[in-house]
N, C-alpha and C. Protein backbone atom coordinates (compact mmCIF):
# COMPACT_ATOMS: atom_id res chain seq x y z
N MET A 1 4.14 -13.63 -31.60
CA MET A 1 4.96 -12.63 -30.95
C MET A 1 4.19 -11.30 -30.93
N SER A 2 4.14 -10.67 -29.78
CA SER A 2 3.43 -9.40 -29.67
C SER A 2 4.25 -8.28 -30.30
N ASP A 3 3.57 -7.18 -30.60
CA ASP A 3 4.27 -6.01 -31.13
C ASP A 3 5.32 -5.52 -30.14
N PHE A 4 5.01 -5.60 -28.85
CA PHE A 4 5.97 -5.16 -27.84
C PHE A 4 7.22 -6.03 -27.86
N ASN A 5 7.03 -7.34 -27.95
CA ASN A 5 8.18 -8.25 -28.01
C ASN A 5 9.00 -8.02 -29.26
N MET A 6 8.35 -7.75 -30.37
CA MET A 6 9.06 -7.46 -31.61
C MET A 6 9.91 -6.20 -31.45
N LEU A 7 9.35 -5.18 -30.82
CA LEU A 7 10.11 -3.95 -30.59
C LEU A 7 11.30 -4.20 -29.66
N ILE A 8 11.07 -4.96 -28.61
CA ILE A 8 12.17 -5.28 -27.68
C ILE A 8 13.26 -6.04 -28.43
N ASP A 9 12.88 -7.00 -29.26
CA ASP A 9 13.86 -7.77 -30.04
C ASP A 9 14.67 -6.85 -30.95
N GLU A 10 14.00 -5.91 -31.60
CA GLU A 10 14.71 -4.98 -32.49
C GLU A 10 15.67 -4.08 -31.71
N LEU A 11 15.22 -3.62 -30.55
CA LEU A 11 16.09 -2.79 -29.71
C LEU A 11 17.31 -3.58 -29.23
N VAL A 12 17.09 -4.83 -28.85
CA VAL A 12 18.19 -5.68 -28.39
C VAL A 12 19.17 -5.96 -29.53
N LYS A 13 18.67 -6.20 -30.74
CA LYS A 13 19.55 -6.40 -31.89
C LYS A 13 20.42 -5.17 -32.13
N PHE A 14 19.79 -4.01 -32.09
CA PHE A 14 20.51 -2.75 -32.27
C PHE A 14 21.59 -2.60 -31.20
N ARG A 15 21.19 -2.84 -29.94
CA ARG A 15 22.11 -2.73 -28.81
C ARG A 15 23.26 -3.72 -28.93
N ASP A 16 22.94 -4.96 -29.19
CA ASP A 16 23.95 -6.01 -29.22
C ASP A 16 24.94 -5.84 -30.37
N ALA A 17 24.48 -5.32 -31.50
CA ALA A 17 25.38 -5.08 -32.63
C ALA A 17 26.47 -4.07 -32.25
N ARG A 18 26.17 -3.23 -31.28
CA ARG A 18 27.11 -2.20 -30.84
C ARG A 18 27.82 -2.56 -29.53
N GLN A 19 27.53 -3.76 -29.03
CA GLN A 19 28.09 -4.24 -27.76
C GLN A 19 27.82 -3.27 -26.60
N TRP A 20 26.56 -2.84 -26.52
CA TRP A 20 26.16 -1.91 -25.46
C TRP A 20 25.47 -2.60 -24.29
N LYS A 21 25.29 -3.92 -24.36
CA LYS A 21 24.59 -4.62 -23.28
C LYS A 21 25.25 -4.36 -21.93
N GLN A 22 26.58 -4.23 -21.94
CA GLN A 22 27.32 -3.98 -20.70
C GLN A 22 26.87 -2.70 -19.99
N PHE A 23 26.27 -1.78 -20.73
CA PHE A 23 25.82 -0.51 -20.16
C PHE A 23 24.35 -0.53 -19.77
N HIS A 24 23.66 -1.61 -20.10
CA HIS A 24 22.20 -1.67 -19.91
C HIS A 24 21.80 -2.45 -18.67
N ASN A 25 22.38 -2.07 -17.55
CA ASN A 25 21.95 -2.63 -16.27
C ASN A 25 20.67 -1.90 -15.85
N THR A 26 20.00 -2.44 -14.88
CA THR A 26 18.71 -1.88 -14.44
C THR A 26 18.82 -0.43 -14.03
N LYS A 27 19.82 -0.10 -13.25
CA LYS A 27 20.00 1.28 -12.78
C LYS A 27 20.17 2.24 -13.95
N ASP A 28 21.06 1.90 -14.87
CA ASP A 28 21.34 2.81 -15.97
C ASP A 28 20.17 2.92 -16.95
N LEU A 29 19.44 1.84 -17.16
CA LEU A 29 18.25 1.94 -18.00
C LEU A 29 17.21 2.84 -17.35
N ALA A 30 17.03 2.71 -16.04
CA ALA A 30 16.07 3.57 -15.34
C ALA A 30 16.50 5.03 -15.38
N LEU A 31 17.80 5.26 -15.20
CA LEU A 31 18.31 6.64 -15.27
C LEU A 31 18.15 7.21 -16.68
N ALA A 32 18.46 6.40 -17.70
CA ALA A 32 18.31 6.85 -19.08
C ALA A 32 16.84 7.19 -19.37
N LEU A 33 15.94 6.37 -18.88
CA LEU A 33 14.52 6.62 -19.05
C LEU A 33 14.12 7.96 -18.43
N SER A 34 14.61 8.19 -17.23
CA SER A 34 14.31 9.45 -16.54
C SER A 34 14.88 10.65 -17.29
N ILE A 35 16.07 10.52 -17.80
CA ILE A 35 16.70 11.61 -18.55
C ILE A 35 15.94 11.89 -19.83
N GLU A 36 15.53 10.83 -20.52
CA GLU A 36 14.76 11.03 -21.75
C GLU A 36 13.39 11.64 -21.45
N ALA A 37 12.79 11.26 -20.34
CA ALA A 37 11.52 11.87 -19.94
C ALA A 37 11.72 13.36 -19.64
N ALA A 38 12.85 13.70 -19.04
CA ALA A 38 13.15 15.11 -18.79
C ALA A 38 13.32 15.87 -20.11
N GLU A 39 13.94 15.23 -21.10
CA GLU A 39 14.08 15.88 -22.40
C GLU A 39 12.72 16.07 -23.06
N LEU A 40 11.82 15.14 -22.85
CA LEU A 40 10.45 15.30 -23.33
C LEU A 40 9.80 16.50 -22.64
N ASN A 41 9.95 16.59 -21.34
CA ASN A 41 9.38 17.71 -20.59
C ASN A 41 9.95 19.05 -21.05
N GLU A 42 11.21 19.03 -21.46
CA GLU A 42 11.86 20.26 -21.89
C GLU A 42 11.16 20.89 -23.10
N LEU A 43 10.49 20.08 -23.90
CA LEU A 43 9.75 20.61 -25.05
C LEU A 43 8.65 21.58 -24.61
N PHE A 44 8.19 21.44 -23.38
CA PHE A 44 7.05 22.20 -22.89
C PHE A 44 7.41 23.23 -21.81
N LEU A 45 8.62 23.16 -21.33
CA LEU A 45 9.04 24.02 -20.22
C LEU A 45 8.90 25.50 -20.54
N TRP A 46 8.25 26.22 -19.65
CA TRP A 46 8.08 27.67 -19.68
C TRP A 46 7.20 28.16 -20.82
N LYS A 47 6.46 27.26 -21.43
CA LYS A 47 5.61 27.65 -22.54
C LYS A 47 4.15 27.65 -22.09
N PRO A 48 3.36 28.57 -22.62
CA PRO A 48 1.92 28.55 -22.30
C PRO A 48 1.26 27.30 -22.88
N ILE A 49 0.15 26.91 -22.29
CA ILE A 49 -0.58 25.70 -22.69
C ILE A 49 -0.86 25.70 -24.20
N GLU A 50 -1.30 26.83 -24.72
CA GLU A 50 -1.65 26.89 -26.14
C GLU A 50 -0.45 26.53 -27.02
N GLU A 51 0.73 27.02 -26.65
CA GLU A 51 1.94 26.72 -27.42
C GLU A 51 2.32 25.24 -27.28
N CYS A 52 2.11 24.70 -26.09
CA CYS A 52 2.43 23.28 -25.86
C CYS A 52 1.59 22.37 -26.73
N GLU A 53 0.36 22.75 -26.98
CA GLU A 53 -0.52 21.93 -27.81
C GLU A 53 -0.08 21.95 -29.28
N LYS A 54 0.78 22.90 -29.64
CA LYS A 54 1.30 23.00 -31.00
C LYS A 54 2.76 22.56 -31.06
N VAL A 55 3.11 21.61 -30.22
CA VAL A 55 4.49 21.13 -30.11
C VAL A 55 5.00 20.63 -31.47
N ASP A 56 6.28 20.79 -31.69
CA ASP A 56 6.93 20.27 -32.89
C ASP A 56 6.79 18.75 -32.89
N ARG A 57 5.99 18.22 -33.79
CA ARG A 57 5.69 16.78 -33.81
C ARG A 57 6.93 15.91 -34.01
N GLU A 58 7.87 16.37 -34.79
CA GLU A 58 9.09 15.57 -35.01
C GLU A 58 9.89 15.45 -33.73
N ARG A 59 10.04 16.54 -33.01
CA ARG A 59 10.77 16.49 -31.74
C ARG A 59 10.01 15.65 -30.72
N LEU A 60 8.68 15.78 -30.71
CA LEU A 60 7.86 14.98 -29.81
C LEU A 60 8.04 13.49 -30.12
N LYS A 61 8.00 13.12 -31.39
CA LYS A 61 8.19 11.73 -31.78
C LYS A 61 9.56 11.21 -31.34
N GLU A 62 10.59 12.01 -31.53
CA GLU A 62 11.95 11.61 -31.15
C GLU A 62 12.05 11.34 -29.65
N GLU A 63 11.54 12.26 -28.85
CA GLU A 63 11.66 12.12 -27.40
C GLU A 63 10.78 10.97 -26.89
N LEU A 64 9.57 10.85 -27.43
CA LEU A 64 8.71 9.73 -27.02
C LEU A 64 9.34 8.39 -27.39
N ALA A 65 9.95 8.32 -28.57
CA ALA A 65 10.60 7.09 -28.99
C ALA A 65 11.70 6.70 -28.01
N ASP A 66 12.47 7.68 -27.55
CA ASP A 66 13.53 7.40 -26.57
C ASP A 66 12.94 6.88 -25.26
N VAL A 67 11.87 7.52 -24.80
CA VAL A 67 11.21 7.09 -23.56
C VAL A 67 10.69 5.66 -23.71
N PHE A 68 10.00 5.41 -24.82
CA PHE A 68 9.47 4.06 -25.06
C PHE A 68 10.60 3.04 -25.17
N ALA A 69 11.67 3.40 -25.87
CA ALA A 69 12.78 2.45 -26.07
C ALA A 69 13.38 2.02 -24.75
N TYR A 70 13.69 2.96 -23.89
CA TYR A 70 14.27 2.58 -22.59
C TYR A 70 13.27 1.85 -21.71
N SER A 71 12.01 2.21 -21.80
CA SER A 71 10.98 1.49 -21.05
C SER A 71 10.90 0.04 -21.51
N LEU A 72 10.90 -0.15 -22.82
CA LEU A 72 10.82 -1.50 -23.36
C LEU A 72 12.07 -2.32 -23.03
N LEU A 73 13.24 -1.70 -23.11
CA LEU A 73 14.46 -2.42 -22.75
C LEU A 73 14.45 -2.84 -21.29
N LEU A 74 13.95 -1.97 -20.43
CA LEU A 74 13.88 -2.28 -19.00
C LEU A 74 12.88 -3.41 -18.75
N ALA A 75 11.74 -3.35 -19.41
CA ALA A 75 10.75 -4.42 -19.28
C ALA A 75 11.32 -5.74 -19.80
N GLY A 76 11.98 -5.69 -20.94
CA GLY A 76 12.57 -6.89 -21.51
C GLY A 76 13.65 -7.48 -20.63
N LYS A 77 14.45 -6.64 -20.03
CA LYS A 77 15.52 -7.11 -19.14
C LYS A 77 14.96 -7.93 -17.99
N HIS A 78 13.77 -7.56 -17.54
CA HIS A 78 13.16 -8.24 -16.38
C HIS A 78 12.04 -9.20 -16.79
N ASP A 79 11.99 -9.54 -18.07
CA ASP A 79 11.00 -10.47 -18.59
C ASP A 79 9.57 -10.09 -18.21
N LEU A 80 9.27 -8.81 -18.32
CA LEU A 80 7.93 -8.33 -18.01
C LEU A 80 7.13 -8.24 -19.32
N ASP A 81 5.89 -8.68 -19.25
CA ASP A 81 4.98 -8.59 -20.39
C ASP A 81 4.34 -7.20 -20.34
N VAL A 82 4.72 -6.34 -21.29
CA VAL A 82 4.28 -4.94 -21.27
C VAL A 82 2.75 -4.84 -21.29
N LYS A 83 2.11 -5.57 -22.16
CA LYS A 83 0.65 -5.54 -22.23
C LYS A 83 0.05 -5.94 -20.89
N GLU A 84 0.56 -7.00 -20.31
CA GLU A 84 0.05 -7.50 -19.03
C GLU A 84 0.22 -6.49 -17.90
N ILE A 85 1.41 -5.87 -17.81
CA ILE A 85 1.63 -4.95 -16.68
C ILE A 85 0.82 -3.66 -16.83
N VAL A 86 0.61 -3.23 -18.08
CA VAL A 86 -0.21 -2.02 -18.28
C VAL A 86 -1.67 -2.32 -17.97
N LEU A 87 -2.18 -3.46 -18.43
CA LEU A 87 -3.57 -3.83 -18.12
C LEU A 87 -3.76 -4.03 -16.62
N GLU A 88 -2.78 -4.60 -15.96
CA GLU A 88 -2.85 -4.77 -14.50
C GLU A 88 -2.92 -3.42 -13.80
N LYS A 89 -2.13 -2.46 -14.27
CA LYS A 89 -2.15 -1.12 -13.67
C LYS A 89 -3.50 -0.44 -13.91
N ILE A 90 -4.08 -0.63 -15.08
CA ILE A 90 -5.41 -0.06 -15.35
C ILE A 90 -6.43 -0.66 -14.39
N ARG A 91 -6.38 -1.97 -14.17
CA ARG A 91 -7.30 -2.61 -13.23
C ARG A 91 -7.14 -2.03 -11.82
N LYS A 92 -5.90 -1.88 -11.39
CA LYS A 92 -5.65 -1.31 -10.05
C LYS A 92 -6.18 0.12 -9.96
N ASN A 93 -5.93 0.91 -11.01
CA ASN A 93 -6.40 2.29 -11.01
C ASN A 93 -7.92 2.37 -11.07
N ASN A 94 -8.56 1.38 -11.70
CA ASN A 94 -10.02 1.33 -11.72
C ASN A 94 -10.56 1.20 -10.30
N GLU A 95 -9.87 0.43 -9.48
CA GLU A 95 -10.28 0.27 -8.08
C GLU A 95 -10.01 1.53 -7.27
N LYS A 96 -8.87 2.15 -7.51
CA LYS A 96 -8.48 3.34 -6.76
C LYS A 96 -9.28 4.57 -7.17
N TYR A 97 -9.70 4.60 -8.43
CA TYR A 97 -10.39 5.76 -8.98
C TYR A 97 -11.72 5.36 -9.60
N PRO A 98 -12.71 5.00 -8.76
CA PRO A 98 -14.02 4.64 -9.31
C PRO A 98 -14.63 5.85 -10.04
N VAL A 99 -15.29 5.58 -11.15
CA VAL A 99 -15.83 6.64 -11.99
C VAL A 99 -16.73 7.58 -11.20
N ASP A 100 -17.58 7.03 -10.35
CA ASP A 100 -18.55 7.87 -9.65
C ASP A 100 -17.89 8.87 -8.70
N ARG A 101 -16.67 8.61 -8.25
CA ARG A 101 -15.99 9.54 -7.35
C ARG A 101 -14.87 10.34 -8.00
N SER A 102 -14.37 9.87 -9.12
CA SER A 102 -13.20 10.52 -9.70
C SER A 102 -13.47 11.26 -11.02
N LYS A 103 -14.64 11.07 -11.59
CA LYS A 103 -14.94 11.68 -12.88
C LYS A 103 -14.81 13.19 -12.82
N GLY A 104 -13.97 13.73 -13.68
CA GLY A 104 -13.77 15.18 -13.76
C GLY A 104 -12.90 15.75 -12.65
N SER A 105 -12.30 14.91 -11.84
CA SER A 105 -11.51 15.38 -10.70
C SER A 105 -10.04 14.99 -10.89
N ALA A 106 -9.16 15.90 -10.50
CA ALA A 106 -7.72 15.62 -10.55
C ALA A 106 -7.18 15.21 -9.19
N ARG A 107 -8.08 14.99 -8.23
CA ARG A 107 -7.65 14.60 -6.90
C ARG A 107 -7.04 13.21 -6.89
N LYS A 108 -6.10 13.02 -5.98
CA LYS A 108 -5.50 11.72 -5.80
C LYS A 108 -6.51 10.79 -5.13
N TYR A 109 -6.34 9.49 -5.34
CA TYR A 109 -7.32 8.50 -4.87
C TYR A 109 -7.61 8.62 -3.38
N ASN A 110 -6.64 8.98 -2.57
CA ASN A 110 -6.86 9.07 -1.13
C ASN A 110 -7.54 10.38 -0.72
N GLU A 111 -7.84 11.22 -1.69
CA GLU A 111 -8.54 12.49 -1.43
C GLU A 111 -9.97 12.49 -1.98
N LEU A 112 -10.36 11.39 -2.59
CA LEU A 112 -11.71 11.33 -3.20
C LEU A 112 -12.78 11.10 -2.15
């Protein structure tokens, strides 16, 4: 069992013990993920870069955990292998952003 599957299993146990599965449809998981990502962004809103680099680690851990949890629940709901889909995305991005054209550049792939 992968670490990702173990985490999904633990999240599902937590959810099921509280009978929350009824609330974990695809739409609501995606919305929850977006909301948690916004809460993560809120840690940095209106702050200078230097201050952002000194973010409160406990708050950062809490918000990242929420983002990861909803991401994992959504992946698990659709029987997606997290490792596989991330590696696939890296391969695709390797094609879209070849090192020789994208190194040191923040341009989008269609602008390289």
